Amino acid sequence: LLAIALQVAGNRVVVKRPRKAPAIDGPPPSYTL
């Protein structure tokens, strides 16, 4: 789903995660909040 979202989104993809959870498999995020 993340891979497809990165193909389709016009400007950015935002993924909500528990603070200590690993990032979803794929390219690393540009930055985190």
PDB file of all heavy atoms in Angstrom:
ATOM      1  N   LEU A   1       0.833  -1.206   0.000  1.00  0.00           N
ATOM      2  CA  LEU A   1       0.000   0.000   0.000  1.00  0.00           C
ATOM      3  C   LEU A   1       0.864   1.251   0.000  1.00  0.00           C
ATOM      4  O   LEU A   1       0.582   2.216  -0.725  1.00  0.00           O
ATOM      5  CB  LEU A   1      -0.940  -0.009   1.205  1.00  0.00           C
ATOM      6  CG  LEU A   1      -1.832   1.219   1.389  1.00  0.00           C
ATOM      7  CD1 LEU A   1      -2.700   1.458   0.157  1.00  0.00           C
ATOM      8  CD2 LEU A   1      -2.708   1.061   2.631  1.00  0.00           C
ATOM      9  N   LEU A   2       1.923   1.250   0.798  1.00  0.00           N
ATOM     10  CA  LEU A   2       2.826   2.408   0.818  1.00  0.00           C
ATOM     11  C   LEU A   2       3.454   2.627  -0.551  1.00  0.00           C
ATOM     12  O   LEU A   2       3.530   3.761  -1.038  1.00  0.00           O
ATOM     13  CB  LEU A   2       3.910   2.216   1.879  1.00  0.00           C
ATOM     14  CG  LEU A   2       5.018   3.272   1.893  1.00  0.00           C
ATOM     15  CD1 LEU A   2       4.445   4.662   2.178  1.00  0.00           C
ATOM     16  CD2 LEU A   2       6.097   2.914   2.922  1.00  0.00           C
ATOM     17  N   ALA A   3       3.903   1.553  -1.199  1.00  0.00           N
ATOM     18  CA  ALA A   3       4.532   1.680  -2.511  1.00  0.00           C
ATOM     19  C   ALA A   3       3.573   2.296  -3.531  1.00  0.00           C
ATOM     20  O   ALA A   3       3.960   3.173  -4.314  1.00  0.00           O
ATOM     21  CB  ALA A   3       5.011   0.307  -2.991  1.00  0.00           C
ATOM     22  N   ILE A   4       2.319   1.863  -3.510  1.00  0.00           N
ATOM     23  CA  ILE A   4       1.334   2.421  -4.438  1.00  0.00           C
ATOM     24  C   ILE A   4       1.024   3.865  -4.072  1.00  0.00           C
ATOM     25  O   ILE A   4       0.890   4.727  -4.954  1.00  0.00           O
ATOM     26  CB  ILE A   4       0.062   1.548  -4.439  1.00  0.00           C
ATOM     27  CG1 ILE A   4       0.372   0.188  -5.058  1.00  0.00           C
ATOM     28  CG2 ILE A   4      -1.079   2.245  -5.190  1.00  0.00           C
ATOM     29  CD1 ILE A   4      -0.770  -0.803  -4.966  1.00  0.00           C
ATOM     30  N   ALA A   5       0.910   4.157  -2.777  1.00  0.00           N
ATOM     31  CA  ALA A   5       0.648   5.534  -2.352  1.00  0.00           C
ATOM     32  C   ALA A   5       1.753   6.469  -2.830  1.00  0.00           C
ATOM     33  O   ALA A   5       1.482   7.604  -3.265  1.00  0.00           O
ATOM     34  CB  ALA A   5       0.520   5.588  -0.831  1.00  0.00           C
ATOM     35  N   LEU A   6       2.996   6.006  -2.780  1.00  0.00           N
ATOM     36  CA  LEU A   6       4.112   6.837  -3.242  1.00  0.00           C
ATOM     37  C   LEU A   6       4.048   7.074  -4.752  1.00  0.00           C
ATOM     38  O   LEU A   6       4.522   8.106  -5.246  1.00  0.00           O
ATOM     39  CB  LEU A   6       5.442   6.170  -2.865  1.00  0.00           C
ATOM     40  CG  LEU A   6       5.767   6.158  -1.365  1.00  0.00           C
ATOM     41  CD1 LEU A   6       6.976   5.259  -1.081  1.00  0.00           C
ATOM     42  CD2 LEU A   6       6.016   7.568  -0.852  1.00  0.00           C
ATOM     43  N   GLN A   7       3.461   6.137  -5.485  1.00  0.00           N
ATOM     44  CA  GLN A   7       3.287   6.319  -6.931  1.00  0.00           C
ATOM     45  C   GLN A   7       2.194   7.341  -7.243  1.00  0.00           C
ATOM     46  O   GLN A   7       2.285   8.093  -8.208  1.00  0.00           O
ATOM     47  CB  GLN A   7       2.896   4.995  -7.590  1.00  0.00           C
ATOM     48  CG  GLN A   7       3.941   3.912  -7.591  1.00  0.00           C
ATOM     49  CD  GLN A   7       3.379   2.624  -8.197  1.00  0.00           C
ATOM     50  OE1 GLN A   7       2.574   2.644  -9.126  1.00  0.00           O
ATOM     51  NE2 GLN A   7       3.797   1.496  -7.662  1.00  0.00           N
ATOM     52  N   VAL A   8       1.156   7.353  -6.410  1.00  0.00           N
ATOM     53  CA  VAL A   8      -0.070   8.090  -6.753  1.00  0.00           C
ATOM     54  C   VAL A   8      -0.127   9.484  -6.136  1.00  0.00           C
ATOM     55  O   VAL A   8      -0.636  10.419  -6.759  1.00  0.00           O
ATOM     56  CB  VAL A   8      -1.305   7.266  -6.322  1.00  0.00           C
ATOM     57  CG1 VAL A   8      -2.588   8.055  -6.536  1.00  0.00           C
ATOM     58  CG2 VAL A   8      -1.350   5.947  -7.098  1.00  0.00           C
ATOM     59  N   ALA A   9       0.390   9.652  -4.928  1.00  0.00           N
ATOM     60  CA  ALA A   9       0.248  10.934  -4.230  1.00  0.00           C
ATOM     61  C   ALA A   9       0.882  12.070  -5.025  1.00  0.00           C
ATOM     62  O   ALA A   9       1.960  11.917  -5.604  1.00  0.00           O
ATOM     63  CB  ALA A   9       0.883  10.850  -2.845  1.00  0.00           C
ATOM     64  N   GLY A  10       0.188  13.199  -5.038  1.00  0.00           N
ATOM     65  CA  GLY A  10       0.727  14.339  -5.750  1.00  0.00           C
ATOM     66  C   GLY A  10       1.901  14.982  -5.041  1.00  0.00           C
ATOM     67  O   GLY A  10       2.851  15.449  -5.693  1.00  0.00           O
ATOM     68  N   ASN A  11       1.857  15.030  -3.707  1.00  0.00           N
ATOM     69  CA  ASN A  11       2.860  15.800  -2.979  1.00  0.00           C
ATOM     70  C   ASN A  11       3.531  15.076  -1.813  1.00  0.00           C
ATOM     71  O   ASN A  11       4.717  15.228  -1.605  1.00  0.00           O
ATOM     72  CB  ASN A  11       2.235  17.092  -2.456  1.00  0.00           C
ATOM     73  CG  ASN A  11       1.728  17.969  -3.581  1.00  0.00           C
ATOM     74  OD1 ASN A  11       0.601  17.802  -4.036  1.00  0.00           O
ATOM     75  ND2 ASN A  11       2.557  18.882  -4.059  1.00  0.00           N
ATOM     76  N   ARG A  12       2.755  14.311  -1.057  1.00  0.00           N
ATOM     77  CA  ARG A  12       3.391  13.602   0.055  1.00  0.00           C
ATOM     78  C   ARG A  12       2.522  12.448   0.529  1.00  0.00           C
ATOM     79  O   ARG A  12       1.309  12.428   0.309  1.00  0.00           O
ATOM     80  CB  ARG A  12       3.708  14.535   1.222  1.00  0.00           C
ATOM     81  CG  ARG A  12       2.501  15.079   1.972  1.00  0.00           C
ATOM     82  CD  ARG A  12       2.898  15.885   3.206  1.00  0.00           C
ATOM     83  NE  ARG A  12       3.709  17.057   2.896  1.00  0.00           N
ATOM     84  CZ  ARG A  12       4.119  17.951   3.793  1.00  0.00           C
ATOM     85  NH1 ARG A  12       3.822  17.769   5.081  1.00  0.00           N
ATOM     86  NH2 ARG A  12       4.820  19.002   3.440  1.00  0.00           N
ATOM     87  N   VAL A  13       3.186  11.496   1.178  1.00  0.00           N
ATOM     88  CA  VAL A  13       2.510  10.400   1.866  1.00  0.00           C
ATOM     89  C   VAL A  13       2.847  10.523   3.345  1.00  0.00           C
ATOM     90  O   VAL A  13       4.005  10.754   3.714  1.00  0.00           O
ATOM     91  CB  VAL A  13       2.959   9.022   1.324  1.00  0.00           C
ATOM     92  CG1 VAL A  13       2.316   7.893   2.132  1.00  0.00           C
ATOM     93  CG2 VAL A  13       2.608   8.894  -0.151  1.00  0.00           C
ATOM     94  N   VAL A  14       1.833  10.387   4.184  1.00  0.00           N
ATOM     95  CA  VAL A  14       1.986  10.538   5.628  1.00  0.00           C
ATOM     96  C   VAL A  14       1.562   9.227   6.278  1.00  0.00           C
ATOM     97  O   VAL A  14       0.451   8.747   6.045  1.00  0.00           O
ATOM     98  CB  VAL A  14       1.114  11.697   6.145  1.00  0.00           C
ATOM     99  CG1 VAL A  14       1.153  11.773   7.663  1.00  0.00           C
ATOM    100  CG2 VAL A  14       1.569  13.016   5.533  1.00  0.00           C
ATOM    101  N   VAL A  15       2.448   8.638   7.084  1.00  0.00           N
ATOM    102  CA  VAL A  15       2.162   7.363   7.735  1.00  0.00           C
ATOM    103  C   VAL A  15       2.161   7.561   9.250  1.00  0.00           C
ATOM    104  O   VAL A  15       3.158   8.006   9.818  1.00  0.00           O
ATOM    105  CB  VAL A  15       3.186   6.278   7.353  1.00  0.00           C
ATOM    106  CG1 VAL A  15       2.833   4.952   8.037  1.00  0.00           C
ATOM    107  CG2 VAL A  15       3.244   6.092   5.843  1.00  0.00           C
ATOM    108  N   LYS A  16       1.057   7.222   9.886  1.00  0.00           N
ATOM    109  CA  LYS A  16       0.929   7.318  11.333  1.00  0.00           C
ATOM    110  C   LYS A  16       1.412   6.013  11.960  1.00  0.00           C
ATOM    111  O   LYS A  16       0.982   4.935  11.567  1.00  0.00           O
ATOM    112  CB  LYS A  16      -0.538   7.577  11.695  1.00  0.00           C
ATOM    113  CG  LYS A  16      -0.816   7.816  13.164  1.00  0.00           C
ATOM    114  CD  LYS A  16      -2.307   8.113  13.351  1.00  0.00           C
ATOM    115  CE  LYS A  16      -2.657   8.393  14.793  1.00  0.00           C
ATOM    116  NZ  LYS A  16      -4.127   8.674  14.942  1.00  0.00           N
ATOM    117  N   ARG A  17       2.320   6.121  12.951  1.00  0.00           N
ATOM    118  CA  ARG A  17       2.909   4.937  13.573  1.00  0.00           C
ATOM    119  C   ARG A  17       3.003   5.116  15.086  1.00  0.00           C
ATOM    120  O   ARG A  17       3.135   6.247  15.573  1.00  0.00           O
ATOM    121  CB  ARG A  17       4.339   4.700  13.050  1.00  0.00           C
ATOM    122  CG  ARG A  17       4.465   4.506  11.576  1.00  0.00           C
ATOM    123  CD  ARG A  17       3.832   3.216  11.133  1.00  0.00           C
ATOM    124  NE  ARG A  17       4.709   2.053  11.350  1.00  0.00           N
ATOM    125  CZ  ARG A  17       4.278   0.802  11.279  1.00  0.00           C
ATOM    126  NH1 ARG A  17       2.997   0.551  11.036  1.00  0.00           N
ATOM    127  NH2 ARG A  17       5.100  -0.201  11.455  1.00  0.00           N
ATOM    128  N   PRO A  18       2.960   4.025  15.858  1.00  0.00           N
ATOM    129  CA  PRO A  18       3.363   4.116  17.264  1.00  0.00           C
ATOM    130  C   PRO A  18       4.805   4.633  17.335  1.00  0.00           C
ATOM    131  O   PRO A  18       5.620   4.356  16.437  1.00  0.00           O
ATOM    132  CB  PRO A  18       3.254   2.674  17.752  1.00  0.00           C
ATOM    133  CG  PRO A  18       2.300   2.016  16.798  1.00  0.00           C
ATOM    134  CD  PRO A  18       2.547   2.665  15.472  1.00  0.00           C
ATOM    135  N   ARG A  19       5.131   5.353  18.390  1.00  0.00           N
ATOM    136  CA  ARG A  19       6.409   6.065  18.444  1.00  0.00           C
ATOM    137  C   ARG A  19       7.614   5.140  18.254  1.00  0.00           C
ATOM    138  O   ARG A  19       8.582   5.497  17.583  1.00  0.00           O
ATOM    139  CB  ARG A  19       6.533   6.811  19.772  1.00  0.00           C
ATOM    140  CG  ARG A  19       7.765   7.712  19.865  1.00  0.00           C
ATOM    141  CD  ARG A  19       7.698   8.606  21.086  1.00  0.00           C
ATOM    142  NE  ARG A  19       7.705   7.835  22.321  1.00  0.00           N
ATOM    143  CZ  ARG A  19       8.816   7.430  22.945  1.00  0.00           C
ATOM    144  NH1 ARG A  19      10.001   7.722  22.424  1.00  0.00           N
ATOM    145  NH2 ARG A  19       8.754   6.748  24.075  1.00  0.00           N
ATOM    146  N   LYS A  20       7.567   3.947  18.838  1.00  0.00           N
ATOM    147  CA  LYS A  20       8.724   3.051  18.782  1.00  0.00           C
ATOM    148  C   LYS A  20       8.615   1.984  17.698  1.00  0.00           C
ATOM    149  O   LYS A  20       9.473   1.104  17.603  1.00  0.00           O
ATOM    150  CB  LYS A  20       8.925   2.389  20.146  1.00  0.00           C
ATOM    151  CG  LYS A  20       9.272   3.379  21.252  1.00  0.00           C
ATOM    152  CD  LYS A  20       9.524   2.666  22.565  1.00  0.00           C
ATOM    153  CE  LYS A  20       9.900   3.649  23.670  1.00  0.00           C
ATOM    154  NZ  LYS A  20      10.161   2.965  24.963  1.00  0.00           N
ATOM    155  N   ALA A  21       7.594   2.051  16.882  1.00  0.00           N
ATOM    156  CA  ALA A  21       7.413   1.045  15.831  1.00  0.00           C
ATOM    157  C   ALA A  21       8.392   1.289  14.690  1.00  0.00           C
ATOM    158  O   ALA A  21       8.762   2.428  14.404  1.00  0.00           O
ATOM    159  CB  ALA A  21       5.991   1.089  15.298  1.00  0.00           C
ATOM    160  N   PRO A  22       8.818   0.234  14.008  1.00  0.00           N
ATOM    161  CA  PRO A  22       9.677   0.430  12.837  1.00  0.00           C
ATOM    162  C   PRO A  22       8.892   1.067  11.699  1.00  0.00           C
ATOM    163  O   PRO A  22       7.663   0.986  11.646  1.00  0.00           O
ATOM    164  CB  PRO A  22      10.101  -0.994  12.480  1.00  0.00           C
ATOM    165  CG  PRO A  22       9.005  -1.865  13.007  1.00  0.00           C
ATOM    166  CD  PRO A  22       8.525  -1.194  14.266  1.00  0.00           C
ATOM    167  N   ALA A  23       9.607   1.723  10.806  1.00  0.00           N
ATOM    168  CA  ALA A  23       8.972   2.249   9.600  1.00  0.00           C
ATOM    169  C   ALA A  23       8.488   1.095   8.736  1.00  0.00           C
ATOM    170  O   ALA A  23       8.984  -0.037   8.834  1.00  0.00           O
ATOM    171  CB  ALA A  23       9.951   3.118   8.823  1.00  0.00           C
ATOM    172  N   ILE A  24       7.496   1.361   7.901  1.00  0.00           N
ATOM    173  CA  ILE A  24       7.026   0.344   6.967  1.00  0.00           C
ATOM    174  C   ILE A  24       8.141   0.020   5.981  1.00  0.00           C
ATOM    175  O   ILE A  24       8.897   0.903   5.555  1.00  0.00           O
ATOM    176  CB  ILE A  24       5.770   0.847   6.231  1.00  0.00           C
ATOM    177  CG1 ILE A  24       4.621   1.048   7.215  1.00  0.00           C
ATOM    178  CG2 ILE A  24       5.348  -0.136   5.141  1.00  0.00           C
ATOM    179  CD1 ILE A  24       3.369   1.598   6.582  1.00  0.00           C
ATOM    180  N   ASP A  25       8.244  -1.249   5.613  1.00  0.00           N
ATOM    181  CA  ASP A  25       9.267  -1.666   4.650  1.00  0.00           C
ATOM    182  C   ASP A  25       9.138  -0.852   3.368  1.00  0.00           C
ATOM    183  O   ASP A  25       8.034  -0.668   2.831  1.00  0.00           O
ATOM    184  CB  ASP A  25       9.112  -3.148   4.317  1.00  0.00           C
ATOM    185  CG  ASP A  25       9.527  -4.048   5.470  1.00  0.00           C
ATOM    186  OD1 ASP A  25      10.225  -3.563   6.390  1.00  0.00           O
ATOM    187  OD2 ASP A  25       9.144  -5.240   5.459  1.00  0.00           O
ATOM    188  N   GLY A  26      10.266  -0.367   2.874  1.00  0.00           N
ATOM    189  CA  GLY A  26      10.273   0.456   1.670  1.00  0.00           C
ATOM    190  C   GLY A  26      11.299   1.557   1.820  1.00  0.00           C
ATOM    191  O   GLY A  26      12.185   1.492   2.683  1.00  0.00           O
ATOM    192  N   PRO A  27      11.200   2.585   1.013  1.00  0.00           N
ATOM    193  CA  PRO A  27      12.151   3.695   1.140  1.00  0.00           C
ATOM    194  C   PRO A  27      12.001   4.378   2.490  1.00  0.00           C
ATOM    195  O   PRO A  27      10.905   4.397   3.064  1.00  0.00           O
ATOM    196  CB  PRO A  27      11.765   4.625  -0.018  1.00  0.00           C
ATOM    197  CG  PRO A  27      10.345   4.281  -0.324  1.00  0.00           C
ATOM    198  CD  PRO A  27      10.212   2.826  -0.051  1.00  0.00           C
ATOM    199  N   PRO A  28      13.085   4.931   3.029  1.00  0.00           N
ATOM    200  CA  PRO A  28      12.981   5.615   4.322  1.00  0.00           C
ATOM    201  C   PRO A  28      12.183   6.902   4.188  1.00  0.00           C
ATOM    202  O   PRO A  28      12.178   7.537   3.125  1.00  0.00           O
ATOM    203  CB  PRO A  28      14.439   5.898   4.693  1.00  0.00           C
ATOM    204  CG  PRO A  28      15.158   5.957   3.374  1.00  0.00           C
ATOM    205  CD  PRO A  28      14.461   4.966   2.492  1.00  0.00           C
ATOM    206  N   PRO A  29      11.487   7.312   5.259  1.00  0.00           N
ATOM    207  CA  PRO A  29      10.762   8.581   5.198  1.00  0.00           C
ATOM    208  C   PRO A  29      11.722   9.760   5.060  1.00  0.00           C
ATOM    209  O   PRO A  29      12.886   9.682   5.466  1.00  0.00           O
ATOM    210  CB  PRO A  29      10.009   8.617   6.536  1.00  0.00           C
ATOM    211  CG  PRO A  29      10.754   7.682   7.432  1.00  0.00           C
ATOM    212  CD  PRO A  29      11.324   6.622   6.549  1.00  0.00           C
ATOM    213  N   SER A  30      11.217  10.845   4.500  1.00  0.00           N
ATOM    214  CA  SER A  30      12.027  12.052   4.354  1.00  0.00           C
ATOM    215  C   SER A  30      12.328  12.664   5.712  1.00  0.00           C
ATOM    216  O   SER A  30      13.430  13.150   5.960  1.00  0.00           O
ATOM    217  CB  SER A  30      11.291  13.075   3.479  1.00  0.00           C
ATOM    218  OG  SER A  30      10.904  12.503   2.249  1.00  0.00           O
ATOM    219  N   TYR A  31      11.338  12.638   6.605  1.00  0.00           N
ATOM    220  CA  TYR A  31      11.524  13.107   7.975  1.00  0.00           C
ATOM    221  C   TYR A  31      10.361  12.601   8.811  1.00  0.00           C
ATOM    222  O   TYR A  31       9.396  12.045   8.275  1.00  0.00           O
ATOM    223  CB  TYR A  31      11.633  14.634   8.043  1.00  0.00           C
ATOM    224  CG  TYR A  31      10.414  15.396   7.591  1.00  0.00           C
ATOM    225  CD1 TYR A  31       9.479  15.883   8.507  1.00  0.00           C
ATOM    226  CD2 TYR A  31      10.195  15.667   6.237  1.00  0.00           C
ATOM    227  CE1 TYR A  31       8.370  16.593   8.097  1.00  0.00           C
ATOM    228  CE2 TYR A  31       9.093  16.382   5.819  1.00  0.00           C
ATOM    229  CZ  TYR A  31       8.185  16.841   6.753  1.00  0.00           C
ATOM    230  OH  TYR A  31       7.075  17.545   6.336  1.00  0.00           O
ATOM    231  N   THR A  32      10.467  12.763  10.119  1.00  0.00           N
ATOM    232  CA  THR A  32       9.420  12.310  11.022  1.00  0.00           C
ATOM    233  C   THR A  32       9.035  13.424  11.981  1.00  0.00           C
ATOM    234  O   THR A  32       9.841  14.317  12.272  1.00  0.00           O
ATOM    235  CB  THR A  32       9.860  11.080  11.845  1.00  0.00           C
ATOM    236  OG1 THR A  32      10.947  11.445  12.698  1.00  0.00           O
ATOM    237  CG2 THR A  32      10.287   9.944  10.938  1.00  0.00           C
ATOM    238  N   LEU A  33       7.795  13.368  12.455  1.00  0.00           N
ATOM    239  CA  LEU A  33       7.318  14.209  13.549  1.00  0.00           C
ATOM    240  C   LEU A  33       6.952  13.272  14.681  1.00  0.00           C
ATOM    241  O   LEU A  33       6.160  12.347  14.492  1.00  0.00           O
ATOM    242  CB  LEU A  33       6.093  15.025  13.117  1.00  0.00           C
ATOM    243  CG  LEU A  33       6.296  16.064  12.012  1.00  0.00           C
ATOM    244  CD1 LEU A  33       4.957  16.704  11.654  1.00  0.00           C
ATOM    245  CD2 LEU A  33       7.297  17.130  12.443  1.00  0.00           C
TER     246      LEU A  33
END
